[in-house]
Protein backbone atom coordinates (compact mmCIF):
# COMPACT_ATOMS: atom_id res chain seq x y z
CA MET A 1 110.40 101.64 -49.02
CA GLU A 2 111.16 104.51 -52.09
CA ILE A 3 109.45 104.37 -55.33
CA ILE A 4 110.86 106.09 -58.65
CA PHE A 5 108.95 107.48 -60.87
CA SER A 6 110.27 108.12 -64.47
CA VAL A 7 109.43 111.31 -65.84
CA THR A 8 109.24 112.89 -69.29
CA GLN A 9 108.27 116.33 -70.37
CA GLU A 10 105.66 116.32 -73.22
CA SER A 11 105.80 119.05 -76.04
CA ASP A 12 103.15 120.52 -75.00
CA GLY A 13 104.71 121.57 -71.77
CA GLY A 14 103.22 118.58 -69.64
CA PHE A 15 104.88 116.00 -67.67
CA VAL A 16 104.40 112.34 -67.74
CA ALA A 17 104.88 110.16 -64.88
CA GLU A 18 105.97 106.29 -64.75
CA CYS A 19 106.55 103.99 -61.74
CA LEU A 20 109.09 101.59 -62.30
CA SER A 21 108.46 99.21 -59.63
CA HIS A 22 104.58 99.49 -59.64
CA ASP A 23 101.51 99.84 -62.63
CA ILE A 24 100.97 103.81 -61.76
CA PHE A 25 100.70 106.25 -64.09
CA THR A 26 99.67 109.66 -64.46
CA GLN A 27 100.42 113.02 -65.52
CA GLY A 28 100.21 117.07 -64.72
CA ASN A 29 100.12 120.25 -66.89
CA THR A 30 103.02 121.78 -64.15
CA TRP A 31 105.81 120.11 -62.49
CA GLU A 32 103.84 121.05 -58.46
CA GLU A 33 100.45 119.43 -60.71
CA LEU A 34 102.55 116.17 -61.13
CA ARG A 35 103.87 115.92 -57.69
CA ARG A 36 100.53 116.77 -56.53
CA ASN A 37 99.18 113.63 -58.60
CA VAL A 38 102.06 111.26 -57.97
CA ARG A 39 101.71 111.68 -54.24
CA GLU A 40 97.21 111.22 -55.06
CA ALA A 41 98.15 107.88 -57.46
CA VAL A 42 100.39 106.41 -54.85
CA THR A 43 97.75 106.85 -51.85
CA GLY A 44 95.28 105.32 -54.15
CA TYR A 45 97.50 102.85 -55.23
CA PHE A 46 98.57 101.71 -51.52
CA PHE A 47 95.35 102.52 -50.22
CA ASP A 48 95.15 98.89 -48.29
CA GLN A 49 98.92 98.31 -47.65
CA PRO A 50 101.51 99.71 -45.99
CA LYS A 51 102.70 103.23 -48.04
CA PRO A 52 106.31 104.15 -49.51
CA THR A 53 108.09 106.14 -47.21
CA ALA A 54 109.42 108.22 -50.02
CA ILE A 55 108.74 109.01 -53.64
CA ARG A 56 111.42 109.86 -56.22
CA LEU A 57 110.85 111.91 -59.36
CA HIS A 58 113.34 111.10 -62.16
CA LEU A 59 113.14 113.47 -64.99
CA VAL A 60 114.52 112.22 -68.02
CA ARG A 61 115.23 114.87 -70.85
CA ASP A 62 115.62 113.07 -74.26
CA GLU A 63 117.03 115.66 -76.53
CA LEU A 64 118.01 115.54 -80.14
CA PHE A 65 119.56 118.27 -82.26
CA SER A 66 121.38 118.42 -85.55
CA CYS A 67 125.47 118.42 -85.52
CA ALA A 68 125.65 119.87 -89.18
């Protein structure tokens, strides 16, 4: 089983991750910290059941700029 997190970058540079299929949310100041926090959050969420075999982090970039 693979679970997918939607990741957005905050204006301060940190990252927020939200699992699309389970109620798992976490954040990190760097990409590496986010990866560690996601792994820890998934381990905690699935502590008494089979853990996913893979975690996918999908970075969503939303950019707005003027065309004038």
